[in-house]
PDB file of N, CA and C in Angstrom:
ATOM      1  N   UNK A   1       6.904 -12.765  21.651  1.00  0.00           N
ATOM      2  CA  UNK A   1       5.367 -11.949  22.123  1.00  0.00           C
ATOM      3  C   UNK A   1       4.982 -11.474  21.176  1.00  0.00           C
ATOM      4  N   UNK A   2       3.866 -12.386  20.771  1.00  0.00           N
ATOM      5  CA  UNK A   2       3.745 -11.822  19.374  1.00  0.00           C
ATOM      6  C   UNK A   2       3.224 -10.528  18.377  1.00  0.00           C
ATOM      7  N   UNK A   3       2.872 -10.079  17.209  1.00  0.00           N
ATOM      8  CA  UNK A   3       2.607  -8.666  17.514  1.00  0.00           C
ATOM      9  C   UNK A   3       1.896  -9.148  17.394  1.00  0.00           C
ATOM     10  N   UNK A   4       0.186  -9.510  17.758  1.00  0.00           N
ATOM     11  CA  UNK A   4      -1.523  -8.818  17.984  1.00  0.00           C
ATOM     12  C   UNK A   4      -1.803  -8.838  18.857  1.00  0.00           C
ATOM     13  N   UNK A   5      -1.708  -9.622  19.629  1.00  0.00           N
ATOM     14  CA  UNK A   5      -1.207  -9.265  21.783  1.00  0.00           C
ATOM     15  C   UNK A   5      -1.417  -8.279  21.759  1.00  0.00           C
ATOM     16  N   UNK A   6      -2.808  -8.503  22.547  1.00  0.00           N
ATOM     17  CA  UNK A   6      -3.320  -7.163  23.070  1.00  0.00           C
ATOM     18  C   UNK A   6      -2.942  -6.649  24.246  1.00  0.00           C
ATOM     19  N   UNK A   7      -1.322  -5.880  25.092  1.00  0.00           N
ATOM     20  CA  UNK A   7      -1.012  -5.702  26.484  1.00  0.00           C
ATOM     21  C   UNK A   7      -0.846  -4.439  26.984  1.00  0.00           C
ATOM     22  N   UNK A   8      -0.342  -4.184  28.632  1.00  0.00           N
ATOM     23  CA  UNK A   8      -1.169  -3.339  28.741  1.00  0.00           C
ATOM     24  C   UNK A   8       0.726  -2.908  28.479  1.00  0.00           C
ATOM     25  N   UNK A   9       1.144  -0.537  28.567  1.00  0.00           N
ATOM     26  CA  UNK A   9       2.034  -0.496  28.326  1.00  0.00           C
ATOM     27  C   UNK A   9       1.674   0.956  29.558  1.00  0.00           C
ATOM     28  N   UNK A  10       2.832   0.947  29.578  1.00  0.00           N
ATOM     29  CA  UNK A  10       3.253   2.403  30.559  1.00  0.00           C
ATOM     30  C   UNK A  10       4.281   2.993  29.890  1.00  0.00           C
ATOM     31  N   UNK A  11       4.158   4.669  29.639  1.00  0.00           N
ATOM     32  CA  UNK A  11       4.685   5.650  29.166  1.00  0.00           C
ATOM     33  C   UNK A  11       4.551   6.460  29.703  1.00  0.00           C
ATOM     34  N   UNK A  12       5.964   6.113  29.311  1.00  0.00           N
ATOM     35  CA  UNK A  12       6.671   7.561  30.300  1.00  0.00           C
ATOM     36  C   UNK A  12       7.202   8.826  29.819  1.00  0.00           C
ATOM     37  N   UNK A  13       7.799  10.217  29.850  1.00  0.00           N
ATOM     38  CA  UNK A  13       8.495  10.783  28.868  1.00  0.00           C
ATOM     39  C   UNK A  13       9.018  11.710  29.927  1.00  0.00           C
ATOM     40  N   UNK A  14       9.683  12.199  29.687  1.00  0.00           N
ATOM     41  CA  UNK A  14      10.558  13.797  30.449  1.00  0.00           C
ATOM     42  C   UNK A  14      11.142  15.183  29.382  1.00  0.00           C
ATOM     43  N   UNK A  15      10.546  15.532  28.555  1.00  0.00           N
ATOM     44  CA  UNK A  15      11.082  16.203  27.648  1.00  0.00           C
ATOM     45  C   UNK A  15      12.060  18.049  27.960  1.00  0.00           C
ATOM     46  N   UNK A  16      12.270  18.160  27.554  1.00  0.00           N
ATOM     47  CA  UNK A  16      13.372  19.453  27.117  1.00  0.00           C
ATOM     48  C   UNK A  16      12.626  20.797  27.260  1.00  0.00           C
ATOM     49  N   UNK A  17      12.401  20.913  25.815  1.00  0.00           N
ATOM     50  CA  UNK A  17      11.324  22.290  25.267  1.00  0.00           C
ATOM     51  C   UNK A  17      10.365  22.062  24.831  1.00  0.00           C
ATOM     52  N   UNK A  18       9.637  23.048  25.596  1.00  0.00           N
ATOM     53  CA  UNK A  18       8.530  22.893  25.190  1.00  0.00           C
ATOM     54  C   UNK A  18       7.100  22.998  24.507  1.00  0.00           C
ATOM     55  N   UNK A  19       7.991  23.317  23.398  1.00  0.00           N
ATOM     56  CA  UNK A  19       7.029  23.593  22.376  1.00  0.00           C
ATOM     57  C   UNK A  19       7.198  21.684  21.499  1.00  0.00           C
ATOM     58  N   UNK A  20       8.147  21.075  22.241  1.00  0.00           N
ATOM     59  CA  UNK A  20       8.256  19.257  22.033  1.00  0.00           C
ATOM     60  C   UNK A  20       7.220  18.762  23.092  1.00  0.00           C
ATOM     61  N   UNK A  21       7.683  19.329  24.091  1.00  0.00           N
ATOM     62  CA  UNK A  21       6.599  18.627  25.106  1.00  0.00           C
ATOM     63  C   UNK A  21       5.308  18.951  25.298  1.00  0.00           C
ATOM     64  N   UNK A  22       5.091  19.793  24.504  1.00  0.00           N
ATOM     65  CA  UNK A  22       3.027  19.717  24.351  1.00  0.00           C
ATOM     66  C   UNK A  22       2.905  18.973  22.459  1.00  0.00           C
ATOM     67  N   UNK A  23       4.447  19.117  22.346  1.00  0.00           N
ATOM     68  CA  UNK A  23       3.814  18.468  21.239  1.00  0.00           C
ATOM     69  C   UNK A  23       3.898  16.554  21.801  1.00  0.00           C
ATOM     70  N   UNK A  24       4.330  16.480  22.248  1.00  0.00           N
ATOM     71  CA  UNK A  24       4.452  14.408  22.374  1.00  0.00           C
ATOM     72  C   UNK A  24       3.459  14.579  23.524  1.00  0.00           C
ATOM     73  N   UNK A  25       2.689  15.235  24.056  1.00  0.00           N
ATOM     74  CA  UNK A  25       2.134  14.992  24.971  1.00  0.00           C
ATOM     75  C   UNK A  25       0.284  14.954  24.763  1.00  0.00           C
ATOM     76  N   UNK A  26       0.147  16.193  23.671  1.00  0.00           N
ATOM     77  CA  UNK A  26      -0.961  16.269  22.293  1.00  0.00           C
ATOM     78  C   UNK A  26      -1.211  14.603  21.562  1.00  0.00           C
ATOM     79  N   UNK A  27       0.560  14.373  21.130  1.00  0.00           N
ATOM     80  CA  UNK A  27       0.086  12.717  20.348  1.00  0.00           C
ATOM     81  C   UNK A  27      -0.243  11.740  21.761  1.00  0.00           C
ATOM     82  N   UNK A  28      -0.050  11.502  22.491  1.00  0.00           N
ATOM     83  CA  UNK A  28      -0.229  10.595  23.557  1.00  0.00           C
ATOM     84  C   UNK A  28      -1.496  10.904  23.896  1.00  0.00           C
ATOM     85  N   UNK A  29      -1.387  11.960  24.025  1.00  0.00           N
ATOM     86  CA  UNK A  29      -3.178  11.878  24.135  1.00  0.00           C
ATOM     87  C   UNK A  29      -4.325  10.896  23.541  1.00  0.00           C
ATOM     88  N   UNK A  30      -3.775  11.797  22.506  1.00  0.00           N
ATOM     89  CA  UNK A  30      -4.726  10.516  21.133  1.00  0.00           C
ATOM     90  C   UNK A  30      -4.161   9.235  21.102  1.00  0.00           C
ATOM     91  N   UNK A  31      -3.399   8.696  21.851  1.00  0.00           N
ATOM     92  CA  UNK A  31      -3.186   7.504  21.222  1.00  0.00           C
ATOM     93  C   UNK A  31      -3.266   5.976  22.945  1.00  0.00           C
ATOM     94  N   UNK A  32      -3.943   6.770  24.093  1.00  0.00           N
ATOM     95  CA  UNK A  32      -3.089   6.520  24.992  1.00  0.00           C
ATOM     96  C   UNK A  32      -3.637   7.424  26.366  1.00  0.00           C
ATOM     97  N   UNK A  33      -4.308   6.259  27.713  1.00  0.00           N
ATOM     98  CA  UNK A  33      -4.988   7.258  28.648  1.00  0.00           C
ATOM     99  C   UNK A  33      -3.873   8.657  29.313  1.00  0.00           C
ATOM    100  N   UNK A  34      -3.468   9.409  29.218  1.00  0.00           N
ATOM    101  CA  UNK A  34      -2.579   9.546  31.037  1.00  0.00           C
ATOM    102  C   UNK A  34      -3.637   9.280  32.050  1.00  0.00           C
ATOM    103  N   UNK A  35      -2.436   9.667  33.374  1.00  0.00           N
ATOM    104  CA  UNK A  35      -2.217   8.737  34.775  1.00  0.00           C
ATOM    105  C   UNK A  35      -1.207   9.454  35.232  1.00  0.00           C
ATOM    106  N   UNK A  36      -0.822  10.576  34.943  1.00  0.00           N
ATOM    107  CA  UNK A  36       0.009  11.822  35.506  1.00  0.00           C
ATOM    108  C   UNK A  36       0.509  12.199  34.731  1.00  0.00           C
ATOM    109  N   UNK A  37       1.298  13.514  34.990  1.00  0.00           N
ATOM    110  CA  UNK A  37       1.511  14.588  34.154  1.00  0.00           C
ATOM    111  C   UNK A  37       2.563  13.714  32.558  1.00  0.00           C
ATOM    112  N   UNK A  38       3.177  13.540  32.633  1.00  0.00           N
ATOM    113  CA  UNK A  38       3.891  12.793  31.835  1.00  0.00           C
ATOM    114  C   UNK A  38       4.153  11.064  32.275  1.00  0.00           C
ATOM    115  N   UNK A  39       2.441  10.622  32.051  1.00  0.00           N
ATOM    116  CA  UNK A  39       3.484   9.051  32.449  1.00  0.00           C
ATOM    117  C   UNK A  39       1.350   8.432  31.854  1.00  0.00           C
ATOM    118  N   UNK A  40       1.579   8.106  30.702  1.00  0.00           N
ATOM    119  CA  UNK A  40       0.197   7.842  30.180  1.00  0.00           C
ATOM    120  C   UNK A  40       0.317   6.276  30.185  1.00  0.00           C
ATOM    121  N   UNK A  41      -1.402   5.126  30.272  1.00  0.00           N
ATOM    122  CA  UNK A  41      -0.899   4.036  29.375  1.00  0.00           C
ATOM    123  C   UNK A  41      -1.674   3.626  28.389  1.00  0.00           C
ATOM    124  N   UNK A  42      -1.607   2.541  28.611  1.00  0.00           N
ATOM    125  CA  UNK A  42      -1.983   2.891  26.249  1.00  0.00           C
ATOM    126  C   UNK A  42      -2.614   0.949  26.974  1.00  0.00           C
ATOM    127  N   UNK A  43      -3.337   0.267  26.238  1.00  0.00           N
ATOM    128  CA  UNK A  43      -4.311  -0.868  25.387  1.00  0.00           C
ATOM    129  C   UNK A  43      -3.787  -1.449  24.556  1.00  0.00           C
ATOM    130  N   UNK A  44      -2.093  -1.582  24.200  1.00  0.00           N
ATOM    131  CA  UNK A  44      -2.566  -1.718  22.146  1.00  0.00           C
ATOM    132  C   UNK A  44      -1.094  -3.506  22.343  1.00  0.00           C
ATOM    133  N   UNK A  45      -1.392  -3.814  20.617  1.00  0.00           N
ATOM    134  CA  UNK A  45      -0.252  -5.088  20.768  1.00  0.00           C
ATOM    135  C   UNK A  45       0.774  -4.816  20.373  1.00  0.00           C
ATOM    136  N   UNK A  46       1.716  -4.885  20.343  1.00  0.00           N
ATOM    137  CA  UNK A  46       3.246  -4.833  19.886  1.00  0.00           C
ATOM    138  C   UNK A  46       4.099  -4.172  18.651  1.00  0.00           C
ATOM    139  N   UNK A  47       2.414  -4.359  18.342  1.00  0.00           N
ATOM    140  CA  UNK A  47       2.633  -3.581  16.009  1.00  0.00           C
ATOM    141  C   UNK A  47       2.851  -2.724  16.611  1.00  0.00           C
ATOM    142  N   UNK A  48       1.476  -2.148  17.275  1.00  0.00           N
ATOM    143  CA  UNK A  48       0.928  -1.000  17.796  1.00  0.00           C
ATOM    144  C   UNK A  48       1.911   0.340  18.616  1.00  0.00           C
ATOM    145  N   UNK A  49       2.343  -0.435  19.439  1.00  0.00           N
ATOM    146  CA  UNK A  49       3.092   0.199  20.614  1.00  0.00           C
ATOM    147  C   UNK A  49       5.175   0.839  19.580  1.00  0.00           C
ATOM    148  N   UNK A  50       5.221  -0.119  18.618  1.00  0.00           N
ATOM    149  CA  UNK A  50       6.289  -0.193  17.427  1.00  0.00           C
ATOM    150  C   UNK A  50       5.527   1.087  16.640  1.00  0.00           C
ATOM    151  N   UNK A  51       4.726   1.245  16.362  1.00  0.00           N
ATOM    152  CA  UNK A  51       3.684   2.804  15.594  1.00  0.00           C
ATOM    153  C   UNK A  51       4.206   4.165  16.751  1.00  0.00           C
ATOM    154  N   UNK A  52       4.130   3.736  17.796  1.00  0.00           N
ATOM    155  CA  UNK A  52       3.594   4.940  18.732  1.00  0.00           C
ATOM    156  C   UNK A  52       4.821   5.387  19.326  1.00  0.00           C
ATOM    157  N   UNK A  53       6.887   4.319  18.811  1.00  0.00           N
ATOM    158  CA  UNK A  53       7.510   4.983  19.329  1.00  0.00           C
ATOM    159  C   UNK A  53       8.026   5.760  17.772  1.00  0.00           C
ATOM    160  N   UNK A  54       7.531   5.096  16.600  1.00  0.00           N
ATOM    161  CA  UNK A  54       8.461   5.474  16.013  1.00  0.00           C
ATOM    162  C   UNK A  54       8.022   7.256  15.859  1.00  0.00           C
ATOM    163  N   UNK A  55       6.232   6.660  16.340  1.00  0.00           N
ATOM    164  CA  UNK A  55       6.157   8.490  15.917  1.00  0.00           C
ATOM    165  C   UNK A  55       6.799   9.702  16.861  1.00  0.00           C
ATOM    166  N   UNK A  56       7.121   8.925  18.126  1.00  0.00           N
ATOM    167  CA  UNK A  56       7.959   9.652  19.293  1.00  0.00           C
ATOM    168  C   UNK A  56       9.127  10.574  18.778  1.00  0.00           C
ATOM    169  N   UNK A  57       9.838   9.190  18.031  1.00  0.00           N
ATOM    170  CA  UNK A  57      11.444   9.554  17.354  1.00  0.00           C
ATOM    171  C   UNK A  57      10.793  10.159  16.631  1.00  0.00           C
ATOM    172  N   UNK A  58      10.221  11.326  16.263  1.00  0.00           N
ATOM    173  CA  UNK A  58       9.607  11.819  14.878  1.00  0.00           C
ATOM    174  C   UNK A  58       9.275  13.239  15.112  1.00  0.00           C
ATOM    175  N   UNK A  59       9.186  12.961  17.441  1.00  0.00           N
ATOM    176  CA  UNK A  59       8.605  14.701  18.375  1.00  0.00           C
ATOM    177  C   UNK A  59       9.705  15.256  18.950  1.00  0.00           C
ATOM    178  N   UNK A  60      10.775  14.536  19.120  1.00  0.00           N
ATOM    179  CA  UNK A  60      11.802  13.756  20.134  1.00  0.00           C
ATOM    180  C   UNK A  60      13.255  14.450  19.178  1.00  0.00           C
ATOM    181  N   UNK A  61      13.893  14.939  20.479  1.00  0.00           N
ATOM    182  CA  UNK A  61      15.088  15.553  20.254  1.00  0.00           C
ATOM    183  C   UNK A  61      16.336  14.123  21.169  1.00  0.00           C
ATOM    184  N   UNK A  62      16.288  12.841  20.813  1.00  0.00           N
ATOM    185  CA  UNK A  62      17.080  12.308  21.384  1.00  0.00           C
ATOM    186  C   UNK A  62      18.181  12.710  22.504  1.00  0.00           C
ATOM    187  N   UNK A  63      18.626  13.096  21.963  1.00  0.00           N
ATOM    188  CA  UNK A  63      20.347  14.350  22.880  1.00  0.00           C
ATOM    189  C   UNK A  63      19.281  14.648  24.012  1.00  0.00           C
ATOM    190  N   UNK A  64      18.501  15.324  24.136  1.00  0.00           N
ATOM    191  CA  UNK A  64      17.607  16.533  25.012  1.00  0.00           C
ATOM    192  C   UNK A  64      16.366  15.721  25.870  1.00  0.00           C
ATOM    193  N   UNK A  65      15.822  14.489  25.661  1.00  0.00           N
ATOM    194  CA  UNK A  65      15.076  14.052  25.716  1.00  0.00           C
ATOM    195  C   UNK A  65      14.916  12.499  25.888  1.00  0.00           C
ATOM    196  N   UNK A  66      13.744  12.499  26.789  1.00  0.00           N
ATOM    197  CA  UNK A  66      14.464  10.403  26.760  1.00  0.00           C
ATOM    198  C   UNK A  66      12.213  10.364  27.238  1.00  0.00           C
ATOM    199  N   UNK A  67      12.190   9.643  25.686  1.00  0.00           N
ATOM    200  CA  UNK A  67      11.061   8.200  26.279  1.00  0.00           C
ATOM    201  C   UNK A  67      11.270   7.061  27.034  1.00  0.00           C
ATOM    202  N   UNK A  68      10.220   6.945  27.921  1.00  0.00           N
ATOM    203  CA  UNK A  68      10.625   4.989  28.292  1.00  0.00           C
ATOM    204  C   UNK A  68       9.839   4.377  27.679  1.00  0.00           C
ATOM    205  N   UNK A  69       9.133   3.041  27.890  1.00  0.00           N
ATOM    206  CA  UNK A  69       7.646   2.425  27.320  1.00  0.00           C
ATOM    207  C   UNK A  69       8.218   0.976  27.843  1.00  0.00           C
ATOM    208  N   UNK A  70       7.068   0.826  29.518  1.00  0.00           N
ATOM    209  CA  UNK A  70       7.082  -0.313  29.761  1.00  0.00           C
ATOM    210  C   UNK A  70       6.421  -1.795  29.847  1.00  0.00           C
ATOM    211  N   UNK A  71       6.431  -2.316  29.158  1.00  0.00           N
ATOM    212  CA  UNK A  71       6.138  -3.220  29.572  1.00  0.00           C
ATOM    213  C   UNK A  71       5.175  -4.465  31.020  1.00  0.00           C
ATOM    214  N   UNK A  72       3.611  -4.242  30.531  1.00  0.00           N
ATOM    215  CA  UNK A  72       3.543  -4.401  32.187  1.00  0.00           C
ATOM    216  C   UNK A  72       2.963  -5.239  32.395  1.00  0.00           C
ATOM    217  N   UNK A  73       3.254  -6.322  33.734  1.00  0.00           N
ATOM    218  CA  UNK A  73       2.872  -7.674  33.483  1.00  0.00           C
ATOM    219  C   UNK A  73       1.683  -7.969  33.512  1.00  0.00           C
ATOM    220  N   UNK A  74       1.772  -9.043  33.184  1.00  0.00           N
ATOM    221  CA  UNK A  74       0.133  -9.960  33.487  1.00  0.00           C
ATOM    222  C   UNK A  74      -0.344  -9.569  34.887  1.00  0.00           C
ATOM    223  N   UNK A  75       0.406 -10.121  35.552  1.00  0.00           N
ATOM    224  CA  UNK A  75      -0.716  -9.590  36.706  1.00  0.00           C
ATOM    225  C   UNK A  75       0.898  -8.737  37.907  1.00  0.00           C
ATOM    226  N   UNK A  76       0.181  -7.265  37.076  1.00  0.00           N
ATOM    227  CA  UNK A  76       1.324  -6.846  38.202  1.00  0.00           C
ATOM    228  C   UNK A  76       0.433  -7.001  40.010  1.00  0.00           C
ATOM    229  N   UNK A  77       2.143  -6.813  39.732  1.00  0.00           N
ATOM    230  CA  UNK A  77       1.770  -6.207  41.784  1.00  0.00           C
ATOM    231  C   UNK A  77       1.922  -4.103  41.861  1.00  0.00           C
ATOM    232  N   UNK A  78       0.963  -3.793  41.991  1.00  0.00           N
ATOM    233  CA  UNK A  78       1.159  -1.607  42.302  1.00  0.00           C
ATOM    234  C   UNK A  78       0.223  -1.940  43.618  1.00  0.00           C
ATOM    235  N   UNK A  79       1.509  -0.917  43.916  1.00  0.00           N
ATOM    236  CA  UNK A  79       0.806  -0.402  45.705  1.00  0.00           C
ATOM    237  C   UNK A  79       1.435   1.620  44.845  1.00  0.00           C
ATOM    238  N   UNK A  80       1.261   1.908  46.330  1.00  0.00           N
ATOM    239  CA  UNK A  80       0.640   4.154  45.630  1.00  0.00           C
ATOM    240  C   UNK A  80       0.919   4.053  47.213  1.00  0.00           C
ATOM    241  N   UNK A  81       0.604   6.013  47.496  1.00  0.00           N
ATOM    242  CA  UNK A  81       1.295   6.163  48.060  1.00  0.00           C
ATOM    243  C   UNK A  81       0.397   6.927  48.019  1.00  0.00           C
ATOM    244  N   UNK A  82      -1.407   8.116  48.778  1.00  0.00           N
ATOM    245  CA  UNK A  82      -1.480   9.005  47.533  1.00  0.00           C
ATOM    246  C   UNK A  82      -2.670   8.629  48.062  1.00  0.00           C
ATOM    247  N   UNK A  83      -3.991   9.342  47.720  1.00  0.00           N
ATOM    248  CA  UNK A  83      -5.616   9.614  46.844  1.00  0.00           C
ATOM    249  C   UNK A  83      -5.612   8.120  46.060  1.00  0.00           C
ATOM    250  N   UNK A  84      -5.123   7.627  44.884  1.00  0.00           N
ATOM    251  CA  UNK A  84      -5.451   7.462  44.373  1.00  0.00           C
ATOM    252  C   UNK A  84      -4.873   6.920  43.436  1.00  0.00           C
ATOM    253  N   UNK A  85      -4.275   5.683  43.092  1.00  0.00           N
ATOM    254  CA  UNK A  85      -3.341   4.914  42.203  1.00  0.00           C
ATOM    255  C   UNK A  85      -3.643   5.540  40.438  1.00  0.00           C
ATOM    256  N   UNK A  86      -4.091   4.742  39.855  1.00  0.00           N
ATOM    257  CA  UNK A  86      -5.160   5.831  38.933  1.00  0.00           C
ATOM    258  C   UNK A  86      -5.442   6.927  38.009  1.00  0.00           C
ATOM    259  N   UNK A  87      -6.140   7.550  37.985  1.00  0.00           N
ATOM    260  CA  UNK A  87      -7.580   8.164  37.363  1.00  0.00           C
ATOM    261  C   UNK A  87      -8.812   6.807  36.640  1.00  0.00           C
ATOM    262  N   UNK A  88      -9.601   7.620  37.728  1.00  0.00           N
ATOM    263  CA  UNK A  88     -11.421   7.302  37.779  1.00  0.00           C
ATOM    264  C   UNK A  88     -11.416   5.652  36.104  1.00  0.00           C
ATOM    265  N   UNK A  89     -11.434   5.089  36.640  1.00  0.00           N
ATOM    266  CA  UNK A  89     -11.827   3.978  35.150  1.00  0.00           C
ATOM    267  C   UNK A  89     -10.715   3.326  34.361  1.00  0.00           C
ATOM    268  N   UNK A  90      -9.897   3.453  34.701  1.00  0.00           N
ATOM    269  CA  UNK A  90      -8.657   2.824  34.441  1.00  0.00           C
ATOM    270  C   UNK A  90      -8.072   1.906  35.446  1.00  0.00           C
ATOM    271  N   UNK A  91      -8.202   0.670  34.747  1.00  0.00           N
ATOM    272  CA  UNK A  91      -7.731  -0.402  35.416  1.00  0.00           C
ATOM    273  C   UNK A  91      -6.831  -1.056  35.353  1.00  0.00           C
ATOM    274  N   UNK A  92      -5.980  -2.000  35.569  1.00  0.00           N
ATOM    275  CA  UNK A  92      -4.314  -2.550  34.333  1.00  0.00           C
ATOM    276  C   UNK A  92      -4.609  -3.492  34.851  1.00  0.00           C
ATOM    277  N   UNK A  93      -5.791  -4.390  34.052  1.00  0.00           N
ATOM    278  CA  UNK A  93      -5.840  -5.621  33.798  1.00  0.00           C
ATOM    279  C   UNK A  93      -6.283  -6.405  32.408  1.00  0.00           C
ATOM    280  N   UNK A  94      -5.758  -7.584  32.372  1.00  0.00           N
ATOM    281  CA  UNK A  94      -6.216  -7.897  30.531  1.00  0.00           C
ATOM    282  C   UNK A  94      -6.691  -8.575  30.486  1.00  0.00           C
ATOM    283  N   UNK A  95      -6.898  -9.139  31.715  1.00  0.00           N
ATOM    284  CA  UNK A  95      -8.915  -9.713  30.907  1.00  0.00           C
ATOM    285  C   UNK A  95      -9.709  -9.926  32.298  1.00  0.00           C
ATOM    286  N   UNK A  96     -10.604 -10.506  32.378  1.00  0.00           N
ATOM    287  CA  UNK A  96     -11.580  -9.992  33.025  1.00  0.00           C
ATOM    288  C   UNK A  96     -11.661 -11.020  34.653  1.00  0.00           C
ATOM    289  N   UNK A  97     -10.359 -12.597  33.887  1.00  0.00           N
ATOM    290  CA  UNK A  97     -10.385 -13.191  35.434  1.00  0.00           C
ATOM    291  C   UNK A  97      -8.999 -12.775  36.232  1.00  0.00           C
ATOM    292  N   UNK A  98      -8.128 -11.975  35.205  1.00  0.00           N
ATOM    293  CA  UNK A  98      -7.154 -11.543  36.081  1.00  0.00           C
ATOM    294  C   UNK A  98      -7.161 -10.381  37.065  1.00  0.00           C
ATOM    295  N   UNK A  99      -7.165 -10.503  38.039  1.00  0.00           N
ATOM    296  CA  UNK A  99      -6.645  -9.346  39.427  1.00  0.00           C
ATOM    297  C   UNK A  99      -5.718  -9.084  39.825  1.00  0.00           C
ATOM    298  N   UNK A 100      -5.609  -8.150  41.018  1.00  0.00           N
ATOM    299  CA  UNK A 100      -3.827  -7.190  41.489  1.00  0.00           C
ATOM    300  C   UNK A 100      -4.040  -8.866  42.271  1.00  0.00           C
ATOM    301  N   UNK A 101      -2.694 -10.097  42.363  1.00  0.00           N
ATOM    302  CA  UNK A 101      -2.429 -10.007  43.475  1.00  0.00           C
ATOM    303  C   UNK A 101      -2.126  -9.672  44.644  1.00  0.00           C
ATOM    304  N   UNK A 102      -1.744  -8.456  44.130  1.00  0.00           N
ATOM    305  CA  UNK A 102      -1.589  -7.489  45.463  1.00  0.00           C
ATOM    306  C   UNK A 102      -1.104  -5.517  45.171  1.00  0.00           C
ATOM    307  N   UNK A 103      -2.248  -5.884  45.593  1.00  0.00           N
ATOM    308  CA  UNK A 103      -3.295  -4.386  46.130  1.00  0.00           C
ATOM    309  C   UNK A 103      -2.940  -3.787  47.081  1.00  0.00           C
ATOM    310  N   UNK A 104      -2.307  -2.879  47.338  1.00  0.00           N
ATOM    311  CA  UNK A 104      -2.356  -2.662  48.765  1.00  0.00           C
ATOM    312  C   UNK A 104      -1.650  -0.908  48.296  1.00  0.00           C
ATOM    313  N   UNK A 105      -2.355   0.400  48.897  1.00  0.00           N
ATOM    314  CA  UNK A 105      -2.362   1.468  49.574  1.00  0.00           C
ATOM    315  C   UNK A 105      -1.913   1.870  50.758  1.00  0.00           C
ATOM    316  N   UNK A 106      -0.589   2.946  50.403  1.00  0.00           N
ATOM    317  CA  UNK A 106       0.306   3.225  52.060  1.00  0.00           C
ATOM    318  C   UNK A 106      -0.859   4.701  51.986  1.00  0.00           C
ATOM    319  N   UNK A 107      -1.022   5.350  53.186  1.00  0.00           N
ATOM    320  CA  UNK A 107      -1.124   6.762  53.648  1.00  0.00           C
ATOM    321  C   UNK A 107      -0.281   6.605  55.015  1.00  0.00           C
ATOM    322  N   UNK A 108       0.397   8.017  54.507  1.00  0.00           N
ATOM    323  CA  UNK A 108       0.033   8.815  56.159  1.00  0.00           C
ATOM    324  C   UNK A 108      -0.713   8.774  57.614  1.00  0.00           C
ATOM    325  N   UNK A 109       0.107   8.833  58.140  1.00  0.00           N
ATOM    326  CA  UNK A 109      -1.051   9.463  59.149  1.00  0.00           C
ATOM    327  C   UNK A 109      -2.162   7.480  59.960  1.00  0.00           C
ATOM    328  N   UNK A 110      -2.461   6.381  58.823  1.00  0.00           N
ATOM    329  CA  UNK A 110      -2.496   5.472  59.498  1.00  0.00           C
ATOM    330  C   UNK A 110      -3.171   5.514  60.856  1.00  0.00           C
TER     331      UNK A 110
END
């Protein structure tokens, strides 16, 4: 993958210590958009994500903390439960011509 192509990335974490948790959350808010409590979405190049990974490595304890970064496919299939899949105004699209091939909402009581 080209290092200069902007892609969509999902960053999720589980941080054991409250102070490290606050630092990681604050840092990621400066680099990405929160979509759930410990999940962020970033539009970035692979090079930029490498920088994010490096910064996060300095903030976490690798023995007790867990950070995962996933590349979102260019045409993701998204399913969700509940009222919202993503915060208002956030779309996981690569370009104007792409749309979700299968976007489904599931709720109880049908």
